[in-house]
Amino acid sequence: LEPEEVVRRQEALAAARLRMQEELNAQAERYKEKQRQLEEEKRRQKIAMWESMQEGKSYKGNLKLNQQEVESGASTSSAVPKSKPNKKPLRGGGYNPLSGEGGGTCSWRPGRRGPSAGG
């Protein structure tokens, strides 16, 4: 192999590594900025929650309302809430597991008293 060719390959390899490192640094910077923004948003939510709690409002409900406003602002489609279908009870109204009535065939009875048979 020619020594000039070896030097050229090493320089190209070093340049490629440098480009890759710069790209990685840029990605890390973008990630840090995104994390900073998320932390700032969390801090704002905590402040809003604290202020509404100081005013005597329901801070959890207020937080949910704020999140719904953000979501509704992001999506323009109107969501229609689904109504739950009427469910019938699994057992009749007279079922009471403690009374032993209406429970069907399985009923528990205590065992016989006295020492166990065996020996």
N, C-alpha and C. Protein backbone atom coordinates (compact mmCIF):
# COMPACT_ATOMS: atom_id res chain seq x y z
N LEU A 1 0.83 -1.18 0.00
CA LEU A 1 0.00 0.00 0.00
C LEU A 1 0.88 1.25 0.00
N GLU A 2 0.39 2.26 -0.65
CA GLU A 2 1.10 3.53 -0.74
C GLU A 2 0.97 4.28 0.59
N PRO A 3 2.01 4.88 1.10
CA PRO A 3 1.92 5.63 2.35
C PRO A 3 0.99 6.84 2.24
N GLU A 4 0.95 7.45 1.06
CA GLU A 4 0.06 8.61 0.87
C GLU A 4 -1.40 8.18 0.97
N GLU A 5 -1.72 7.00 0.43
CA GLU A 5 -3.09 6.50 0.47
C GLU A 5 -3.50 6.18 1.91
N VAL A 6 -2.60 5.63 2.68
CA VAL A 6 -2.88 5.32 4.08
C VAL A 6 -3.16 6.62 4.85
N VAL A 7 -2.36 7.64 4.60
CA VAL A 7 -2.55 8.92 5.28
C VAL A 7 -3.89 9.52 4.88
N ARG A 8 -4.24 9.43 3.59
CA ARG A 8 -5.51 9.96 3.11
C ARG A 8 -6.69 9.24 3.78
N ARG A 9 -6.59 7.93 3.90
CA ARG A 9 -7.67 7.16 4.55
C ARG A 9 -7.82 7.57 6.02
N GLN A 10 -6.71 7.73 6.68
CA GLN A 10 -6.76 8.11 8.10
C GLN A 10 -7.36 9.51 8.27
N GLU A 11 -7.01 10.42 7.37
CA GLU A 11 -7.58 11.76 7.43
C GLU A 11 -9.09 11.72 7.17
N ALA A 12 -9.51 10.92 6.20
CA ALA A 12 -10.94 10.80 5.88
C ALA A 12 -11.68 10.19 7.08
N LEU A 13 -11.06 9.20 7.71
CA LEU A 13 -11.67 8.56 8.87
C LEU A 13 -11.79 9.55 10.02
N ALA A 14 -10.75 10.35 10.24
CA ALA A 14 -10.79 11.35 11.30
C ALA A 14 -11.86 12.40 11.01
N ALA A 15 -11.99 12.81 9.74
CA ALA A 15 -13.01 13.80 9.38
C ALA A 15 -14.41 13.22 9.59
N ALA A 16 -14.60 11.95 9.23
CA ALA A 16 -15.91 11.33 9.42
C ALA A 16 -16.24 11.24 10.91
N ARG A 17 -15.25 10.87 11.71
CA ARG A 17 -15.48 10.81 13.16
C ARG A 17 -15.84 12.17 13.72
N LEU A 18 -15.16 13.21 13.23
CA LEU A 18 -15.43 14.56 13.70
C LEU A 18 -16.87 14.99 13.35
N ARG A 19 -17.30 14.68 12.11
CA ARG A 19 -18.67 15.00 11.70
C ARG A 19 -19.68 14.27 12.58
N MET A 20 -19.43 13.00 12.82
CA MET A 20 -20.35 12.21 13.65
C MET A 20 -20.40 12.76 15.08
N GLN A 21 -19.26 13.18 15.61
CA GLN A 21 -19.22 13.72 16.96
C GLN A 21 -19.98 15.05 17.03
N GLU A 22 -19.82 15.90 16.02
CA GLU A 22 -20.55 17.16 15.99
C GLU A 22 -22.05 16.93 15.91
N GLU A 23 -22.46 15.93 15.12
CA GLU A 23 -23.88 15.62 15.01
C GLU A 23 -24.42 15.11 16.35
N LEU A 24 -23.63 14.28 17.01
CA LEU A 24 -24.04 13.77 18.32
C LEU A 24 -24.16 14.90 19.34
N ASN A 25 -23.23 15.84 19.30
CA ASN A 25 -23.28 16.98 20.22
C ASN A 25 -24.53 17.83 19.96
N ALA A 26 -24.87 18.00 18.68
CA ALA A 26 -26.07 18.78 18.35
C ALA A 26 -27.33 18.07 18.85
N GLN A 27 -27.38 16.76 18.70
CA GLN A 27 -28.53 16.00 19.20
C GLN A 27 -28.63 16.11 20.71
N ALA A 28 -27.49 16.04 21.40
CA ALA A 28 -27.49 16.15 22.86
C ALA A 28 -27.98 17.53 23.29
N GLU A 29 -27.58 18.55 22.55
CA GLU A 29 -28.02 19.92 22.87
C GLU A 29 -29.53 20.06 22.69
N ARG A 30 -30.06 19.50 21.59
CA ARG A 30 -31.50 19.55 21.37
C ARG A 30 -32.25 18.81 22.48
N TYR A 31 -31.71 17.66 22.90
CA TYR A 31 -32.35 16.88 23.96
C TYR A 31 -32.35 17.67 25.28
N LYS A 32 -31.24 18.32 25.59
CA LYS A 32 -31.17 19.10 26.82
C LYS A 32 -32.17 20.25 26.79
N GLU A 33 -32.32 20.88 25.65
CA GLU A 33 -33.27 21.98 25.52
C GLU A 33 -34.70 21.47 25.72
N LYS A 34 -34.99 20.32 25.14
CA LYS A 34 -36.33 19.74 25.29
C LYS A 34 -36.59 19.40 26.75
N GLN A 35 -35.60 18.84 27.44
CA GLN A 35 -35.75 18.50 28.85
C GLN A 35 -35.96 19.77 29.68
N ARG A 36 -35.24 20.85 29.34
CA ARG A 36 -35.42 22.12 30.05
C ARG A 36 -36.85 22.62 29.89
N GLN A 37 -37.38 22.52 28.67
CA GLN A 37 -38.74 22.97 28.43
C GLN A 37 -39.75 22.14 29.21
N LEU A 38 -39.53 20.80 29.27
CA LEU A 38 -40.43 19.95 30.04
C LEU A 38 -40.39 20.29 31.52
N GLU A 39 -39.20 20.53 32.04
CA GLU A 39 -39.06 20.90 33.46
C GLU A 39 -39.75 22.23 33.74
N GLU A 40 -39.61 23.18 32.81
CA GLU A 40 -40.25 24.48 32.98
C GLU A 40 -41.78 24.33 32.99
N GLU A 41 -42.30 23.47 32.11
CA GLU A 41 -43.74 23.24 32.06
C GLU A 41 -44.22 22.59 33.36
N LYS A 42 -43.48 21.63 33.87
CA LYS A 42 -43.84 21.00 35.14
C LYS A 42 -43.83 22.02 36.26
N ARG A 43 -42.84 22.90 36.26
CA ARG A 43 -42.74 23.92 37.29
C ARG A 43 -43.94 24.87 37.22
N ARG A 44 -44.33 25.25 36.01
CA ARG A 44 -45.49 26.13 35.85
C ARG A 44 -46.76 25.45 36.35
N GLN A 45 -46.90 24.16 36.06
CA GLN A 45 -48.09 23.44 36.53
C GLN A 45 -48.12 23.37 38.05
N LYS A 46 -46.97 23.15 38.66
CA LYS A 46 -46.92 23.10 40.12
C LYS A 46 -47.27 24.45 40.72
N ILE A 47 -46.77 25.51 40.11
CA ILE A 47 -47.08 26.86 40.60
C ILE A 47 -48.58 27.12 40.48
N ALA A 48 -49.16 26.76 39.32
CA ALA A 48 -50.60 26.98 39.12
C ALA A 48 -51.40 26.15 40.11
N MET A 49 -50.96 24.93 40.37
CA MET A 49 -51.65 24.07 41.32
C MET A 49 -51.58 24.67 42.73
N TRP A 50 -50.42 25.18 43.10
CA TRP A 50 -50.24 25.77 44.42
C TRP A 50 -51.12 27.01 44.58
N GLU A 51 -51.14 27.86 43.54
CA GLU A 51 -51.95 29.08 43.61
C GLU A 51 -53.43 28.75 43.72
N SER A 52 -53.90 27.77 42.95
CA SER A 52 -55.32 27.44 43.03
C SER A 52 -55.64 26.80 44.37
N MET A 53 -54.69 26.08 44.95
CA MET A 53 -54.92 25.50 46.26
C MET A 53 -54.98 26.60 47.31
N GLN A 54 -54.16 27.63 47.17
CA GLN A 54 -54.17 28.74 48.11
C GLN A 54 -55.50 29.50 48.03
N GLU A 55 -56.09 29.55 46.82
CA GLU A 55 -57.37 30.22 46.64
C GLU A 55 -58.54 29.38 47.13
N GLY A 56 -58.28 28.13 47.45
CA GLY A 56 -59.33 27.26 47.95
C GLY A 56 -60.05 26.50 46.87
N LYS A 57 -59.51 26.51 45.68
CA LYS A 57 -60.14 25.77 44.60
C LYS A 57 -59.62 24.34 44.60
N SER A 58 -60.29 23.51 43.84
CA SER A 58 -59.84 22.12 43.68
C SER A 58 -58.68 22.14 42.70
N TYR A 59 -57.48 21.96 43.21
CA TYR A 59 -56.32 22.10 42.34
C TYR A 59 -56.20 20.93 41.38
N LYS A 60 -56.64 19.73 41.77
CA LYS A 60 -56.55 18.59 40.86
C LYS A 60 -57.53 18.76 39.70
N GLY A 61 -58.73 19.18 40.01
CA GLY A 61 -59.71 19.40 38.95
C GLY A 61 -59.27 20.51 38.01
N ASN A 62 -58.68 21.56 38.58
CA ASN A 62 -58.19 22.67 37.78
C ASN A 62 -57.08 22.20 36.85
N LEU A 63 -56.21 21.32 37.34
CA LEU A 63 -55.12 20.82 36.53
C LEU A 63 -55.66 20.00 35.37
N LYS A 64 -56.69 19.19 35.64
CA LYS A 64 -57.28 18.40 34.57
C LYS A 64 -57.92 19.29 33.53
N LEU A 65 -58.57 20.36 33.97
CA LEU A 65 -59.19 21.28 33.02
C LEU A 65 -58.13 21.93 32.14
N ASN A 66 -57.00 22.32 32.73
CA ASN A 66 -55.93 22.93 31.95
C ASN A 66 -55.39 21.96 30.92
N GLN A 67 -55.24 20.69 31.29
CA GLN A 67 -54.73 19.71 30.33
C GLN A 67 -55.74 19.50 29.21
N GLN A 68 -57.04 19.50 29.53
CA GLN A 68 -58.04 19.32 28.49
C GLN A 68 -58.05 20.50 27.53
N GLU A 69 -57.84 21.71 28.06
CA GLU A 69 -57.78 22.89 27.19
C GLU A 69 -56.61 22.79 26.24
N VAL A 70 -55.46 22.31 26.74
CA VAL A 70 -54.29 22.17 25.89
C VAL A 70 -54.55 21.13 24.82
N GLU A 71 -55.16 19.99 25.21
CA GLU A 71 -55.45 18.95 24.23
C GLU A 71 -56.48 19.40 23.22
N SER A 72 -57.51 20.11 23.67
CA SER A 72 -58.54 20.55 22.73
C SER A 72 -57.98 21.63 21.79
N GLY A 73 -57.05 22.41 22.27
CA GLY A 73 -56.43 23.41 21.41
C GLY A 73 -55.55 22.75 20.36
N ALA A 74 -54.94 21.63 20.71
CA ALA A 74 -54.06 20.94 19.77
C ALA A 74 -54.85 20.21 18.70
N SER A 75 -55.96 19.59 19.08
CA SER A 75 -56.77 18.86 18.10
C SER A 75 -58.04 19.65 17.81
N THR A 76 -58.36 19.80 16.52
CA THR A 76 -59.52 20.58 16.15
C THR A 76 -60.78 19.73 16.10
N SER A 77 -60.65 18.40 16.07
CA SER A 77 -61.83 17.54 16.01
C SER A 77 -62.50 17.51 17.37
N SER A 78 -63.84 17.52 17.36
CA SER A 78 -64.58 17.50 18.61
C SER A 78 -64.84 16.06 19.01
N ALA A 79 -64.47 15.73 20.22
CA ALA A 79 -64.66 14.36 20.71
C ALA A 79 -66.03 14.23 21.34
N VAL A 80 -66.78 13.21 20.94
CA VAL A 80 -68.11 12.97 21.49
C VAL A 80 -67.97 11.94 22.60
N PRO A 81 -68.37 12.27 23.84
CA PRO A 81 -68.24 11.29 24.91
C PRO A 81 -69.21 10.14 24.71
N LYS A 82 -68.71 8.93 24.93
CA LYS A 82 -69.54 7.74 24.74
C LYS A 82 -70.31 7.46 26.02
N SER A 83 -71.58 7.14 25.88
CA SER A 83 -72.39 6.81 27.05
C SER A 83 -72.23 5.33 27.37
N LYS A 84 -72.17 5.02 28.65
CA LYS A 84 -72.00 3.63 29.06
C LYS A 84 -73.33 2.90 28.92
N PRO A 85 -73.31 1.67 28.42
CA PRO A 85 -74.55 0.91 28.30
C PRO A 85 -75.04 0.48 29.69
N ASN A 86 -76.36 0.31 29.81
CA ASN A 86 -76.92 -0.11 31.09
C ASN A 86 -76.53 -1.55 31.35
N LYS A 87 -75.90 -1.78 32.50
CA LYS A 87 -75.44 -3.13 32.83
C LYS A 87 -76.39 -3.75 33.84
N LYS A 88 -76.73 -5.01 33.63
CA LYS A 88 -77.56 -5.70 34.61
C LYS A 88 -76.64 -6.33 35.66
N PRO A 89 -77.11 -6.48 36.89
CA PRO A 89 -76.27 -7.06 37.93
C PRO A 89 -75.97 -8.53 37.64
N LEU A 90 -74.83 -9.00 38.11
CA LEU A 90 -74.44 -10.38 37.85
C LEU A 90 -75.29 -11.36 38.64
N ARG A 91 -75.68 -10.98 39.85
CA ARG A 91 -76.50 -11.86 40.69
C ARG A 91 -77.80 -11.13 41.02
N GLY A 92 -78.74 -11.89 41.55
CA GLY A 92 -79.99 -11.29 41.96
C GLY A 92 -79.78 -10.39 43.17
N GLY A 93 -80.74 -9.53 43.44
CA GLY A 93 -80.61 -8.60 44.54
C GLY A 93 -80.61 -9.28 45.90
N GLY A 94 -81.13 -10.52 46.01
CA GLY A 94 -81.22 -11.19 47.29
C GLY A 94 -79.96 -11.95 47.68
N TYR A 95 -78.90 -11.87 46.88
CA TYR A 95 -77.70 -12.65 47.17
C TYR A 95 -76.91 -12.01 48.29
N ASN A 96 -76.61 -12.78 49.31
CA ASN A 96 -75.75 -12.33 50.40
C ASN A 96 -74.82 -13.48 50.75
N PRO A 97 -73.54 -13.37 50.49
CA PRO A 97 -72.64 -14.50 50.73
C PRO A 97 -72.50 -14.84 52.20
N LEU A 98 -72.80 -13.91 53.11
CA LEU A 98 -72.62 -14.19 54.53
C LEU A 98 -73.81 -14.94 55.12
N SER A 99 -74.98 -14.80 54.52
CA SER A 99 -76.16 -15.47 55.09
C SER A 99 -76.29 -16.90 54.62
N GLY A 100 -75.70 -17.23 53.51
CA GLY A 100 -75.81 -18.59 52.99
C GLY A 100 -77.06 -18.82 52.19
N GLU A 101 -77.84 -17.79 51.97
CA GLU A 101 -79.07 -17.94 51.20
C GLU A 101 -78.85 -17.48 49.77
N GLY A 102 -79.45 -18.16 48.85
CA GLY A 102 -79.41 -17.74 47.46
C GLY A 102 -78.05 -17.88 46.82
N GLY A 103 -77.18 -18.61 47.42
CA GLY A 103 -75.83 -18.72 46.88
C GLY A 103 -75.65 -19.89 45.95
N GLY A 104 -76.64 -20.78 45.85
CA GLY A 104 -76.50 -21.91 44.96
C GLY A 104 -76.17 -23.17 45.75
N THR A 105 -75.40 -24.05 45.16
CA THR A 105 -75.18 -25.37 45.76
C THR A 105 -74.00 -25.40 46.71
N CYS A 106 -73.04 -24.52 46.56
CA CYS A 106 -71.85 -24.63 47.40
C CYS A 106 -72.07 -23.88 48.71
N SER A 107 -72.05 -24.63 49.82
CA SER A 107 -72.16 -24.00 51.12
C SER A 107 -71.11 -24.61 52.03
N TRP A 108 -70.53 -23.83 52.88
CA TRP A 108 -69.46 -24.30 53.75
C TRP A 108 -70.03 -24.70 55.08
N ARG A 109 -69.52 -25.81 55.59
CA ARG A 109 -69.90 -26.26 56.93
C ARG A 109 -68.64 -26.55 57.71
N PRO A 110 -68.66 -26.24 58.99
CA PRO A 110 -67.47 -26.52 59.77
C PRO A 110 -67.26 -28.03 59.93
N GLY A 111 -66.03 -28.43 60.10
CA GLY A 111 -65.71 -29.84 60.29
C GLY A 111 -66.11 -30.34 61.66
N ARG A 112 -66.02 -31.67 61.85
CA ARG A 112 -66.39 -32.25 63.14
C ARG A 112 -65.37 -31.87 64.20
N ARG A 113 -65.86 -31.75 65.42
CA ARG A 113 -64.96 -31.39 66.49
C ARG A 113 -64.27 -32.64 67.03
N GLY A 114 -63.18 -32.41 67.70
CA GLY A 114 -62.49 -33.52 68.32
C GLY A 114 -61.15 -33.77 67.68
N PRO A 115 -60.43 -34.71 68.25
CA PRO A 115 -59.10 -35.00 67.71
C PRO A 115 -59.23 -35.64 66.33
N SER A 116 -58.24 -35.38 65.54
CA SER A 116 -58.28 -35.94 64.19
C SER A 116 -58.04 -37.44 64.25
N ALA A 117 -58.70 -38.14 63.37
CA ALA A 117 -58.53 -39.59 63.33
C ALA A 117 -57.26 -39.91 62.60
N GLY A 118 -56.49 -40.77 63.15
CA GLY A 118 -55.23 -41.15 62.50
C GLY A 118 -54.26 -41.59 63.58
N GLY A 119 -53.17 -42.03 63.15
CA GLY A 119 -52.34 -42.43 64.23
C GLY A 119 -51.09 -42.96 63.83
